């Protein structure tokens, strides 16, 4: 089980970095749909992993 927790924590850290990078790509005005889709997908994956991690702890 701790191996899964470590894997989830590692992926969460990676997702946070990817989300931050995606946010930097967003223009101040009129966000581009592909960038918004990327951001939403990353945030959705993060939310699923956070929930799974809470279940394990």
C-alpha atoms as a PDB file:
ATOM      1  CA  UNK A   1       0.000   0.000   0.000  1.00  0.00           C
ATOM      2  CA  UNK A   2       2.788   2.466   0.807  1.00  0.00           C
ATOM      3  CA  UNK A   3       4.146   1.925  -2.704  1.00  0.00           C
ATOM      4  CA  UNK A   4       0.818   3.132  -4.101  1.00  0.00           C
ATOM      5  CA  UNK A   5       0.843   6.123  -1.755  1.00  0.00           C
ATOM      6  CA  UNK A   6       4.354   7.049  -2.907  1.00  0.00           C
ATOM      7  CA  UNK A   7       3.324   6.664  -6.545  1.00  0.00           C
ATOM      8  CA  UNK A   8       0.275   8.888  -6.029  1.00  0.00           C
ATOM      9  CA  UNK A   9       2.285  11.523  -4.166  1.00  0.00           C
ATOM     10  CA  UNK A  10       4.904  11.544  -6.901  1.00  0.00           C
ATOM     11  CA  UNK A  11       2.274  11.925  -9.614  1.00  0.00           C
ATOM     12  CA  UNK A  12       0.536  14.692  -7.635  1.00  0.00           C
ATOM     13  CA  UNK A  13       3.800  16.618  -7.471  1.00  0.00           C
ATOM     14  CA  UNK A  14       4.280  16.151 -11.202  1.00  0.00           C
ATOM     15  CA  UNK A  15       0.695  17.272 -11.860  1.00  0.00           C
ATOM     16  CA  UNK A  16       1.163  20.416  -9.760  1.00  0.00           C
ATOM     17  CA  UNK A  17       4.192  21.304 -11.881  1.00  0.00           C
ATOM     18  CA  UNK A  18       2.266  20.633 -15.095  1.00  0.00           C
ATOM     19  CA  UNK A  19      -0.684  22.716 -13.864  1.00  0.00           C
ATOM     20  CA  UNK A  20       1.641  25.603 -13.000  1.00  0.00           C
ATOM     21  CA  UNK A  21       3.240  25.394 -16.447  1.00  0.00           C
ATOM     22  CA  UNK A  22      -0.172  25.317 -18.125  1.00  0.00           C
ATOM     23  CA  UNK A  23      -1.288  28.346 -16.128  1.00  0.00           C
ATOM     24  CA  UNK A  24       1.811  30.214 -17.338  1.00  0.00           C
ATOM     25  CA  UNK A  25       0.762  29.445 -20.925  1.00  0.00           C
ATOM     26  CA  UNK A  26      -2.653  31.033 -20.421  1.00  0.00           C
ATOM     27  CA  UNK A  27      -2.852  34.527 -21.854  1.00  0.00           C
ATOM     28  CA  UNK A  28      -4.190  37.251 -19.588  1.00  0.00           C
ATOM     29  CA  UNK A  29      -7.199  37.636 -21.879  1.00  0.00           C
ATOM     30  CA  UNK A  30      -9.159  35.184 -24.013  1.00  0.00           C
ATOM     31  CA  UNK A  31      -7.742  31.851 -22.988  1.00  0.00           C
ATOM     32  CA  UNK A  32      -7.160  29.397 -25.810  1.00  0.00           C
ATOM     33  CA  UNK A  33      -9.515  26.382 -25.704  1.00  0.00           C
ATOM     34  CA  UNK A  34      -6.762  23.738 -26.084  1.00  0.00           C
ATOM     35  CA  UNK A  35      -4.858  25.193 -23.137  1.00  0.00           C
ATOM     36  CA  UNK A  36      -8.029  25.300 -21.048  1.00  0.00           C
ATOM     37  CA  UNK A  37      -8.771  21.676 -21.941  1.00  0.00           C
ATOM     38  CA  UNK A  38      -5.246  20.693 -20.874  1.00  0.00           C
ATOM     39  CA  UNK A  39      -5.675  22.540 -17.595  1.00  0.00           C
ATOM     40  CA  UNK A  40      -9.057  20.970 -16.853  1.00  0.00           C
ATOM     41  CA  UNK A  41      -7.771  17.478 -17.600  1.00  0.00           C
ATOM     42  CA  UNK A  42      -4.766  17.965 -15.322  1.00  0.00           C
ATOM     43  CA  UNK A  43      -6.941  19.319 -12.527  1.00  0.00           C
ATOM     44  CA  UNK A  44      -9.407  16.448 -12.925  1.00  0.00           C
ATOM     45  CA  UNK A  45      -6.609  13.895 -12.659  1.00  0.00           C
ATOM     46  CA  UNK A  46      -5.247  15.696  -9.601  1.00  0.00           C
ATOM     47  CA  UNK A  47      -8.670  15.652  -7.935  1.00  0.00           C
ATOM     48  CA  UNK A  48      -9.042  11.906  -8.528  1.00  0.00           C
ATOM     49  CA  UNK A  49      -5.596  11.214  -7.091  1.00  0.00           C
ATOM     50  CA  UNK A  50      -6.188  13.414  -4.046  1.00  0.00           C
ATOM     51  CA  UNK A  51      -9.406  11.529  -3.322  1.00  0.00           C
ATOM     52  CA  UNK A  52      -7.637   8.166  -3.731  1.00  0.00           C
ATOM     53  CA  UNK A  53      -4.812   9.283  -1.451  1.00  0.00           C
ATOM     54  CA  UNK A  54      -7.320  10.351   1.216  1.00  0.00           C
ATOM     55  CA  UNK A  55      -8.925   6.911   1.014  1.00  0.00           C
ATOM     56  CA  UNK A  56      -5.564   5.229   1.564  1.00  0.00           C
ATOM     57  CA  UNK A  57      -4.525   7.363   4.532  1.00  0.00           C
END
